[in-house]
Amino acid sequence: MLQRQEIRQQVRHLRRALTDEQQAQAAEQLAELALNYAPLTAAQNIALFLSVDGELNTRPLIARLWHLKKTVCLPVLHPFSPGNLLFLRYSPDTPLQTNKLRIPEPPLDIRQLITLDQLDLMMVPLVAFDHAGQRLGMGGGFYDRTLQNWRQHGFLPVGLAHDCQQVDSLPVAEWDVPLPAVMTPSKLWQWE
């Protein structure tokens, strides 16, 4: 576990060290790459996240998806099932509130709920990834629980990261869910 914490600290430091200009350029490059990714082109309901702590900025991609009339969803902490996420439609006029993890999320409104079975693509945050598609998250397990049965739900999970978040190999825990694809500003990694 200590090694996982050390990797988290090192990689978070690397991505936070990126300048505003590097962040903006990475966000634009990723949006371009994503819009040429066939599963995203075919998708209608796409789960994304709003970036915090130096994560790759998803807002330029979200704006382009709205322009293409795609449905964008954001994760919301489940109010009755601790450690789990719900996904709600997110539009330009959706108000955001900060949750207990200091992450912006839409207000809980059951009318805006999109179930996992309705999602086509889920673009997930990560702290680090390796050459085998293993993903290291922040340690809360929210996405590990969400991704556990992704094939049965019928959506495709894709990690989003800066190039500097790639490591040689990650220590794997039994609950870790490897990703079939990770997208960085310079490359699409696919394992399936």
Protein backbone atom coordinates (compact mmCIF):
# COMPACT_ATOMS: atom_id res chain seq x y z
CA MET A 1 0.00 0.00 0.00
CA LEU A 2 2.88 2.35 0.79
CA GLN A 3 4.23 1.99 -2.73
CA ARG A 4 0.82 2.96 -4.13
CA GLN A 5 0.79 6.09 -1.92
CA GLU A 6 4.30 7.02 -3.05
CA ILE A 7 3.33 6.68 -6.72
CA ARG A 8 0.23 8.81 -6.09
CA GLN A 9 2.28 11.55 -4.45
CA GLN A 10 4.97 11.56 -7.15
CA VAL A 11 2.57 11.60 -10.11
CA ARG A 12 0.23 14.16 -8.53
CA HIS A 13 3.27 16.37 -7.99
CA LEU A 14 4.24 15.95 -11.68
CA ARG A 15 0.83 16.90 -13.01
CA ARG A 16 0.44 19.83 -10.60
CA ALA A 17 3.83 21.11 -11.83
CA LEU A 18 2.47 21.59 -15.37
CA THR A 19 2.11 25.26 -16.27
CA ASP A 20 -1.25 26.79 -17.16
CA GLU A 21 -0.08 26.93 -20.77
CA GLN A 22 0.92 23.23 -20.74
CA GLN A 23 -2.45 22.35 -19.17
CA ALA A 24 -4.37 24.34 -21.80
CA GLN A 25 -2.40 22.80 -24.66
CA ALA A 26 -2.87 19.27 -23.24
CA ALA A 27 -6.64 19.83 -22.90
CA GLU A 28 -6.92 20.97 -26.53
CA GLN A 29 -4.78 18.09 -27.82
CA LEU A 30 -6.84 15.58 -25.85
CA ALA A 31 -10.12 17.03 -27.12
CA GLU A 32 -8.86 16.68 -30.72
CA LEU A 33 -7.74 13.10 -30.14
CA ALA A 34 -10.99 12.18 -28.38
CA LEU A 35 -13.17 13.59 -31.16
CA ASN A 36 -11.40 11.31 -33.64
CA TYR A 37 -11.87 8.22 -31.44
CA ALA A 38 -14.50 5.97 -33.08
CA PRO A 39 -16.19 4.80 -29.82
CA LEU A 40 -16.67 8.44 -28.79
CA THR A 41 -17.94 9.42 -32.24
CA ALA A 42 -20.53 6.63 -32.02
CA ALA A 43 -21.48 7.35 -28.38
CA GLN A 44 -24.50 9.40 -27.35
CA ASN A 45 -24.30 9.23 -23.52
CA ILE A 46 -20.81 10.00 -22.28
CA ALA A 47 -19.73 10.17 -18.64
CA LEU A 48 -16.88 12.55 -17.92
CA PHE A 49 -15.51 14.35 -14.87
CA LEU A 50 -14.55 17.90 -13.99
CA SER A 51 -10.83 18.18 -13.38
CA VAL A 52 -9.29 18.93 -9.99
CA ASP A 53 -5.76 18.79 -8.57
CA GLY A 54 -3.91 19.12 -11.88
CA GLU A 55 -5.98 16.49 -13.71
CA LEU A 56 -6.27 16.88 -17.45
CA ASN A 57 -8.82 19.64 -18.06
CA THR A 58 -11.95 18.08 -19.55
CA ARG A 59 -13.88 21.33 -20.12
CA PRO A 60 -12.75 21.89 -23.75
CA LEU A 61 -13.83 18.32 -24.59
CA ILE A 62 -17.15 18.76 -22.78
CA ALA A 63 -17.87 21.97 -24.72
CA ARG A 64 -17.22 20.18 -28.02
CA LEU A 65 -19.44 17.26 -27.02
CA TRP A 66 -22.26 19.68 -26.21
CA HIS A 67 -21.74 21.29 -29.61
CA LEU A 68 -22.15 17.81 -31.17
CA LYS A 69 -25.42 17.36 -29.21
CA LYS A 70 -23.98 14.51 -27.12
CA THR A 71 -25.31 13.91 -23.61
CA VAL A 72 -22.58 14.58 -21.05
CA CYS A 73 -22.90 13.13 -17.56
CA LEU A 74 -20.92 13.85 -14.41
CA PRO A 75 -20.38 11.68 -11.35
CA VAL A 76 -22.21 12.51 -8.12
CA LEU A 77 -21.48 10.88 -4.78
CA HIS A 78 -24.33 8.45 -4.06
CA PRO A 79 -26.30 9.82 -1.07
CA PHE A 80 -27.41 6.43 0.33
CA SER A 81 -24.67 4.07 -0.83
CA PRO A 82 -21.32 5.34 0.49
CA GLY A 83 -18.39 4.82 -1.87
CA ASN A 84 -20.57 4.65 -4.98
CA LEU A 85 -21.27 7.07 -7.80
CA LEU A 86 -24.36 8.13 -9.71
CA PHE A 87 -24.15 9.86 -13.09
CA LEU A 88 -26.30 12.89 -13.89
CA ARG A 89 -26.80 14.82 -17.12
CA TYR A 90 -24.64 17.94 -17.26
CA SER A 91 -25.53 20.86 -19.53
CA PRO A 92 -24.15 24.41 -19.83
CA ASP A 93 -26.82 25.70 -17.43
CA THR A 94 -26.44 22.97 -14.77
CA PRO A 95 -25.48 24.58 -11.44
CA LEU A 96 -22.56 22.91 -9.69
CA GLN A 97 -21.93 22.40 -6.00
CA THR A 98 -18.82 21.18 -4.22
CA ASN A 99 -19.13 17.75 -2.64
CA LYS A 100 -17.40 16.53 0.55
CA LEU A 101 -14.32 15.57 -1.53
CA ARG A 102 -14.14 19.20 -2.83
CA ILE A 103 -15.11 18.10 -6.34
CA PRO A 104 -17.79 20.02 -8.28
CA GLU A 105 -20.91 18.01 -9.07
CA PRO A 106 -24.46 18.69 -10.27
CA PRO A 107 -27.19 18.78 -7.63
CA LEU A 108 -28.89 15.43 -7.12
CA ASP A 109 -31.98 15.36 -9.32
CA ILE A 110 -33.41 11.94 -10.15
CA ARG A 111 -34.84 13.36 -13.40
CA GLN A 112 -31.26 13.89 -14.63
CA LEU A 113 -30.04 10.40 -13.73
CA ILE A 114 -28.39 8.27 -16.42
CA THR A 115 -27.91 4.64 -15.36
CA LEU A 116 -24.72 2.72 -16.12
CA ASP A 117 -26.71 0.63 -18.62
CA GLN A 118 -27.58 3.83 -20.53
CA LEU A 119 -23.96 5.01 -20.81
CA ASP A 120 -22.00 4.35 -24.00
CA LEU A 121 -18.62 5.63 -22.84
CA MET A 122 -17.15 6.53 -19.45
CA MET A 123 -14.02 8.69 -19.45
CA VAL A 124 -12.43 8.23 -16.04
CA PRO A 125 -9.83 10.14 -14.06
CA LEU A 126 -6.72 8.43 -12.78
CA VAL A 127 -3.54 9.29 -10.94
CA ALA A 128 -1.30 6.85 -12.84
CA PHE A 129 -1.50 4.10 -15.44
CA ASP A 130 0.95 1.50 -16.69
CA HIS A 131 1.78 -0.40 -19.89
CA ALA A 132 -0.81 -3.08 -19.07
CA GLY A 133 -3.76 -0.72 -18.63
CA GLN A 134 -3.73 -0.86 -14.85
CA ARG A 135 -5.18 2.29 -13.30
CA LEU A 136 -4.27 3.87 -9.99
CA GLY A 137 -6.93 6.22 -8.68
CA MET A 138 -7.03 8.54 -5.70
CA GLY A 139 -7.62 5.65 -3.31
CA GLY A 140 -11.33 6.03 -2.55
CA GLY A 141 -12.36 3.12 -4.78
CA PHE A 142 -15.29 5.03 -6.32
CA TYR A 143 -14.34 4.22 -9.91
CA ASP A 144 -13.13 0.70 -9.05
CA ARG A 145 -16.64 -0.07 -7.76
CA THR A 146 -18.27 1.66 -10.74
CA LEU A 147 -16.10 -0.16 -13.28
CA GLN A 148 -16.37 -3.61 -11.68
CA ASN A 149 -18.98 -4.91 -14.14
CA TRP A 150 -18.52 -2.48 -17.02
CA ARG A 151 -18.85 -5.18 -19.69
CA GLN A 152 -22.26 -6.27 -18.34
CA HIS A 153 -23.46 -2.65 -18.34
CA GLY A 154 -22.33 -2.21 -21.94
CA PHE A 155 -20.26 0.96 -21.66
CA LEU A 156 -16.60 1.40 -22.58
CA PRO A 157 -14.30 2.87 -19.90
CA VAL A 158 -11.42 5.05 -21.10
CA GLY A 159 -8.88 6.63 -18.76
CA LEU A 160 -7.85 10.25 -19.32
CA ALA A 161 -4.39 11.38 -18.23
CA HIS A 162 -1.44 13.60 -18.93
CA ASP A 163 1.49 11.85 -20.60
CA CYS A 164 3.52 12.31 -17.39
CA GLN A 165 1.07 10.06 -15.52
CA GLN A 166 2.32 6.90 -17.20
CA VAL A 167 4.54 4.68 -15.06
CA ASP A 168 6.37 1.46 -15.91
CA SER A 169 4.19 -0.77 -13.75
CA LEU A 170 1.73 -0.43 -10.91
CA PRO A 171 1.27 -2.68 -7.90
CA VAL A 172 -2.10 -4.35 -8.45
CA ALA A 173 -4.72 -4.93 -5.76
CA GLU A 174 -7.53 -7.46 -6.12
CA TRP A 175 -10.15 -4.72 -6.51
CA ASP A 176 -8.28 -2.88 -9.29
CA VAL A 177 -10.03 -2.85 -12.65
CA PRO A 178 -7.69 -2.55 -15.65
CA LEU A 179 -8.84 -0.24 -18.40
CA PRO A 180 -9.25 -1.30 -22.04
CA ALA A 181 -7.98 2.14 -23.15
CA VAL A 182 -6.25 5.26 -21.85
CA MET A 183 -6.04 8.52 -23.74
CA THR A 184 -3.30 11.10 -23.21
CA PRO A 185 -2.77 14.31 -25.19
CA SER A 186 -0.24 12.53 -27.43
CA LYS A 187 -1.49 8.96 -27.68
CA LEU A 188 -4.33 6.46 -27.43
CA TRP A 189 -3.34 3.32 -25.54
CA GLN A 190 -5.54 0.25 -26.15
CA TRP A 191 -5.30 -3.17 -24.56
CA GLU A 192 -8.41 -4.91 -25.86
